[in-house]
Amino acid sequence: MTDRKRAAAAFREYVKPYDITNDKIRLKVEHTGRVAAGSERIARSLGLSAEDCDLAWLIGLLHDIGRFEQLRIYNTFNDAASIDHGRFGADLLFGSEGERLIRRFMPAEDPEAEHLIELAIRHHSDYLLPEGLNERELLFARLIRDADKVDIFRVNTEFSLESIYNTDTETLRSAEITPVVKRTSLSHQTILRSIRKTPVDIIVGHISLPYGIEYPESLRMIREQGYLEKLMGFQSENEKTARDLDEITAEVRRWMEEKTA
């Protein structure tokens, strides 16, 4: 059984050395708490045991542990320009040298739980999960991916897009959508990072995240929160981009209505 109080206290202690007045650090601390809660809610909706709900919560608590060192070392959350934060976080938690960081959050060894935590965190931001996973591996990997996606919409409306995307307002408001990004979204697919070329491509990538959601409760959470609608209200000063966004957002709304009817 996960000792939540101890794990939460260990997380607070872990982030102490980082500057909480930095919006990007604050963003990740707050995001972490919401993703942990969201992971538990989705797990409960699936009728999982108390132990598995605790495990889902713990994975949510630890899923972005690599983000803090990523920002300190590289001064960016852009994985393409720095390091894959999921793999980095898994390596930080389960590295073999010295005291493994995971022991701060779960002092007692639990090989099965640790395997599920490591795998889920390592692959939570991958475009696709690796093949060959068993039922329990898929369950926890999908849970954290859903909970993470659900909260991304909130992050994109509560913090400035300029600060999140490391760009300026003029570039953000004037950029165009790369044609392959538009086509991919309209075909009901999530957007690979490698095909995103402009700041607005990133917005479209986030708007398209519902296409990658696994569980009905996750879609209900997205609709309930209303942050996706706020993100889809982004106003571009580029006429072509504005038309493309209208088309993309209309299709996302239609798809969401169909899936949550």
Protein backbone atom coordinates (compact mmCIF):
# COMPACT_ATOMS: atom_id res chain seq x y z
CA MET A 1 0.00 0.00 0.00
CA THR A 2 1.34 3.41 -0.97
CA ASP A 3 2.02 5.82 1.90
CA ARG A 4 0.60 8.90 0.21
CA LYS A 5 1.51 11.35 2.97
CA ARG A 6 5.13 10.22 2.89
CA ALA A 7 5.29 10.28 -0.92
CA ALA A 8 3.73 13.77 -1.10
CA ALA A 9 6.13 15.04 1.58
CA ALA A 10 9.06 13.53 -0.34
CA PHE A 11 7.92 15.32 -3.49
CA ARG A 12 7.68 18.66 -1.68
CA GLU A 13 11.19 18.09 -0.33
CA TYR A 14 12.49 17.17 -3.78
CA VAL A 15 11.27 20.40 -5.40
CA LYS A 16 12.46 22.67 -2.57
CA PRO A 17 15.80 23.55 -4.24
CA TYR A 18 14.00 24.81 -7.35
CA ASP A 19 12.70 28.39 -7.63
CA ILE A 20 8.95 28.15 -7.07
CA THR A 21 8.60 31.83 -8.10
CA ASN A 22 9.65 30.73 -11.60
CA ASP A 23 6.38 30.25 -13.51
CA LYS A 24 7.72 27.17 -15.25
CA ILE A 25 8.59 25.48 -11.95
CA ARG A 26 5.25 26.46 -10.43
CA LEU A 27 3.53 25.16 -13.56
CA LYS A 28 5.07 21.72 -13.11
CA VAL A 29 4.45 21.52 -9.36
CA GLU A 30 0.76 22.35 -9.82
CA HIS A 31 0.50 20.11 -12.89
CA THR A 32 1.92 17.22 -10.87
CA GLY A 33 -0.75 17.47 -8.17
CA ARG A 34 -3.58 17.59 -10.69
CA VAL A 35 -2.24 14.68 -12.74
CA ALA A 36 -1.90 12.54 -9.61
CA ALA A 37 -5.53 13.28 -8.70
CA GLY A 38 -6.65 12.73 -12.28
CA SER A 39 -4.86 9.39 -12.50
CA GLU A 40 -6.66 8.23 -9.37
CA ARG A 41 -10.03 9.41 -10.67
CA ILE A 42 -9.62 7.51 -13.94
CA ALA A 43 -8.45 4.42 -12.05
CA ARG A 44 -11.53 4.55 -9.82
CA SER A 45 -13.78 4.90 -12.86
CA LEU A 46 -12.34 1.60 -14.09
CA GLY A 47 -13.19 -0.14 -10.82
CA LEU A 48 -9.58 -0.80 -9.87
CA SER A 49 -8.60 -1.95 -6.37
CA ALA A 50 -7.55 0.53 -3.69
CA GLU A 51 -3.95 -0.60 -4.13
CA ASP A 52 -4.04 -0.02 -7.88
CA CYS A 53 -5.68 3.40 -7.39
CA ASP A 54 -2.83 4.28 -5.03
CA LEU A 55 -0.31 3.12 -7.62
CA ALA A 56 -1.99 5.22 -10.32
CA TRP A 57 -1.80 8.24 -7.99
CA LEU A 58 1.90 7.63 -7.28
CA ILE A 59 2.73 7.35 -10.98
CA GLY A 60 0.95 10.67 -11.49
CA LEU A 61 2.98 12.22 -8.67
CA LEU A 62 6.26 11.08 -10.24
CA HIS A 63 5.52 11.23 -13.96
CA ASP A 64 7.23 14.61 -14.54
CA ILE A 65 10.03 14.27 -12.00
CA GLY A 66 12.53 14.76 -14.82
CA ARG A 67 11.12 18.17 -15.76
CA PHE A 68 12.80 20.02 -12.89
CA GLU A 69 16.34 18.97 -13.75
CA GLN A 70 15.53 19.36 -17.45
CA LEU A 71 14.69 23.03 -16.85
CA ARG A 72 17.71 23.58 -14.60
CA ILE A 73 20.17 22.05 -17.07
CA TYR A 74 18.67 23.07 -20.42
CA ASN A 75 16.38 26.01 -19.49
CA THR A 76 13.59 24.54 -21.61
CA PHE A 77 10.76 22.00 -21.48
CA ASN A 78 11.26 21.30 -25.19
CA ASP A 79 12.34 17.66 -25.32
CA ALA A 80 13.53 17.95 -28.92
CA ALA A 81 15.93 20.73 -27.91
CA SER A 82 17.11 19.03 -24.72
CA ILE A 83 16.28 15.53 -23.48
CA ASP A 84 13.32 13.16 -23.41
CA HIS A 85 11.86 14.06 -20.02
CA GLY A 86 10.04 10.75 -19.55
CA ARG A 87 13.16 8.66 -20.02
CA PHE A 88 15.19 11.17 -18.02
CA GLY A 89 12.73 10.98 -15.13
CA ALA A 90 12.71 7.17 -15.16
CA ASP A 91 16.51 7.15 -15.11
CA LEU A 92 16.57 9.61 -12.20
CA LEU A 93 14.18 7.45 -10.20
CA PHE A 94 15.63 4.05 -11.00
CA GLY A 95 19.29 4.72 -11.77
CA SER A 96 21.56 2.02 -10.41
CA GLU A 97 24.29 4.22 -8.94
CA GLY A 98 24.00 5.20 -5.27
CA GLU A 99 20.64 5.53 -3.53
CA ARG A 100 17.85 5.22 -6.04
CA LEU A 101 15.56 8.24 -5.93
CA ILE A 102 12.46 6.03 -5.93
CA ARG A 103 13.29 4.99 -2.34
CA ARG A 104 12.39 8.48 -1.12
CA PHE A 105 8.83 7.95 -2.36
CA MET A 106 8.36 4.23 -1.60
CA PRO A 107 10.87 3.06 1.02
CA ALA A 108 9.85 -0.60 0.87
CA GLU A 109 10.89 -2.53 -2.22
CA ASP A 110 8.06 -3.73 -4.45
CA PRO A 111 9.47 -5.12 -7.71
CA GLU A 112 6.16 -5.34 -9.58
CA ALA A 113 5.02 -1.83 -8.61
CA GLU A 114 8.46 -0.39 -9.36
CA HIS A 115 8.44 -2.03 -12.79
CA LEU A 116 5.03 -0.54 -13.58
CA ILE A 117 6.08 2.91 -12.33
CA GLU A 118 9.32 2.89 -14.32
CA LEU A 119 7.64 1.74 -17.52
CA ALA A 120 4.70 4.16 -17.27
CA ILE A 121 6.94 7.17 -16.59
CA ARG A 122 9.50 6.24 -19.23
CA HIS A 123 6.89 6.07 -21.97
CA HIS A 124 4.24 8.57 -20.81
CA SER A 125 5.09 11.16 -23.46
CA ASP A 126 5.90 8.77 -26.32
CA TYR A 127 3.79 9.10 -29.45
CA LEU A 128 3.03 5.36 -29.25
CA LEU A 129 3.56 2.83 -26.50
CA PRO A 130 6.04 0.02 -27.22
CA GLU A 131 4.65 -3.24 -28.54
CA GLY A 132 4.47 -6.37 -26.43
CA LEU A 133 3.21 -4.85 -23.16
CA ASN A 134 1.04 -7.07 -21.00
CA GLU A 135 -2.41 -6.08 -19.70
CA ARG A 136 -1.23 -4.45 -16.46
CA GLU A 137 1.63 -2.64 -18.14
CA LEU A 138 -0.78 -1.21 -20.71
CA LEU A 139 -3.28 -0.25 -18.03
CA PHE A 140 -0.93 1.96 -16.02
CA ALA A 141 0.86 3.33 -19.07
CA ARG A 142 -2.47 4.40 -20.57
CA LEU A 143 -3.75 5.81 -17.29
CA ILE A 144 -0.90 8.28 -16.89
CA ARG A 145 -0.97 9.26 -20.55
CA ASP A 146 -4.66 10.11 -20.27
CA ALA A 147 -4.32 12.05 -17.01
CA ASP A 148 -1.36 14.00 -18.38
CA LYS A 149 -3.24 14.95 -21.56
CA VAL A 150 -6.31 16.04 -19.59
CA ASP A 151 -4.29 18.57 -17.59
CA ILE A 152 -2.33 19.96 -20.54
CA PHE A 153 -5.41 21.95 -21.55
CA ARG A 154 -5.50 23.65 -18.15
CA VAL A 155 -1.78 24.48 -18.32
CA ASN A 156 -2.26 26.07 -21.73
CA THR A 157 -5.00 28.38 -20.47
CA GLU A 158 -3.63 29.29 -17.02
CA PHE A 159 -0.12 30.18 -18.22
CA SER A 160 0.88 32.33 -21.16
CA LEU A 161 1.46 30.39 -24.35
CA GLU A 162 4.54 32.52 -24.95
CA SER A 163 6.18 31.26 -21.75
CA ILE A 164 5.18 27.64 -22.37
CA TYR A 165 6.33 27.59 -25.98
CA ASN A 166 9.40 29.81 -25.54
CA THR A 167 8.27 32.28 -28.18
CA ASP A 168 7.12 35.90 -28.46
CA THR A 169 3.61 37.20 -29.03
CA GLU A 170 4.24 38.47 -32.57
CA THR A 171 5.59 35.10 -33.73
CA LEU A 172 2.79 33.19 -32.01
CA ARG A 173 0.01 35.34 -33.46
CA SER A 174 1.40 35.46 -37.01
CA ALA A 175 2.62 31.87 -37.49
CA GLU A 176 0.98 29.48 -39.95
CA ILE A 177 -0.02 25.86 -39.43
CA THR A 178 2.20 23.38 -41.24
CA PRO A 179 0.02 21.54 -43.83
CA VAL A 180 0.89 18.06 -42.55
CA VAL A 181 -0.11 19.12 -39.03
CA LYS A 182 -3.52 20.25 -40.28
CA ARG A 183 -4.02 17.05 -42.29
CA THR A 184 -3.03 14.89 -39.34
CA SER A 185 -5.46 16.61 -36.99
CA LEU A 186 -8.34 16.43 -39.45
CA SER A 187 -7.70 12.68 -39.80
CA HIS A 188 -8.28 12.28 -36.05
CA GLN A 189 -4.68 11.63 -35.11
CA THR A 190 -2.44 13.18 -32.50
CA ILE A 191 0.50 15.22 -33.75
CA LEU A 192 4.07 13.93 -33.70
CA ARG A 193 6.52 16.42 -32.20
CA SER A 194 8.82 15.91 -35.19
CA ILE A 195 6.30 17.41 -37.63
CA ARG A 196 5.57 20.50 -35.53
CA LYS A 197 7.47 23.41 -37.06
CA THR A 198 5.73 26.54 -35.71
CA PRO A 199 4.29 27.67 -32.36
CA VAL A 200 0.77 27.29 -33.73
CA ASP A 201 1.58 23.71 -34.69
CA ILE A 202 2.08 23.11 -30.96
CA ILE A 203 -1.35 24.59 -30.23
CA VAL A 204 -2.89 22.32 -32.85
CA GLY A 205 -1.01 19.41 -31.31
CA HIS A 206 -2.60 20.13 -27.95
CA ILE A 207 -6.06 20.73 -29.42
CA SER A 208 -5.75 17.31 -31.10
CA LEU A 209 -4.84 15.44 -27.91
CA PRO A 210 -8.38 14.06 -27.36
CA TYR A 211 -7.81 11.80 -30.37
CA GLY A 212 -5.27 9.89 -28.29
CA ILE A 213 -7.44 9.47 -25.18
CA GLU A 214 -8.12 5.89 -24.05
CA TYR A 215 -10.77 6.05 -21.34
CA PRO A 216 -14.30 7.55 -21.35
CA GLU A 217 -13.75 9.15 -17.92
CA SER A 218 -10.82 11.11 -19.37
CA LEU A 219 -13.01 12.59 -22.09
CA ARG A 220 -15.65 13.45 -19.49
CA MET A 221 -12.99 15.24 -17.46
CA ILE A 222 -11.91 17.26 -20.50
CA ARG A 223 -15.47 18.38 -21.19
CA GLU A 224 -16.20 19.05 -17.53
CA GLN A 225 -13.16 21.30 -17.09
CA GLY A 226 -13.78 23.42 -20.19
CA TYR A 227 -10.10 24.18 -20.79
CA LEU A 228 -10.04 22.60 -24.24
CA GLU A 229 -12.72 25.07 -25.33
CA LYS A 230 -10.64 27.94 -23.96
CA LEU A 231 -7.56 26.73 -25.84
CA MET A 232 -9.59 26.43 -29.03
CA GLY A 233 -10.47 30.09 -28.61
CA PHE A 234 -6.90 31.11 -29.50
CA GLN A 235 -7.01 34.09 -31.87
CA SER A 236 -4.49 34.26 -34.69
CA GLU A 237 -3.77 37.47 -36.57
CA ASN A 238 -2.89 35.42 -39.66
CA GLU A 239 -6.03 35.03 -41.79
CA LYS A 240 -5.04 31.66 -43.23
CA THR A 241 -4.19 30.31 -39.79
CA ALA A 242 -7.50 31.59 -38.41
CA ARG A 243 -9.39 29.72 -41.17
CA ASP A 244 -7.38 26.54 -40.58
CA LEU A 245 -8.01 26.75 -36.84
CA ASP A 246 -11.73 27.15 -37.39
CA GLU A 247 -11.74 23.97 -39.48
CA ILE A 248 -9.61 22.01 -37.01
CA THR A 249 -11.53 23.07 -33.89
CA ALA A 250 -14.91 22.39 -35.53
CA GLU A 251 -13.83 18.82 -36.23
CA VAL A 252 -12.50 18.30 -32.70
CA ARG A 253 -15.83 19.55 -31.29
CA ARG A 254 -17.79 17.26 -33.60
CA TRP A 255 -15.64 14.26 -32.65
CA MET A 256 -15.92 15.02 -28.93
CA GLU A 257 -19.71 15.30 -29.18
CA GLU A 258 -19.85 11.92 -30.87
CA LYS A 259 -17.59 10.21 -28.34
CA THR A 260 -19.27 11.64 -25.22
CA ALA A 261 -22.90 11.45 -26.37
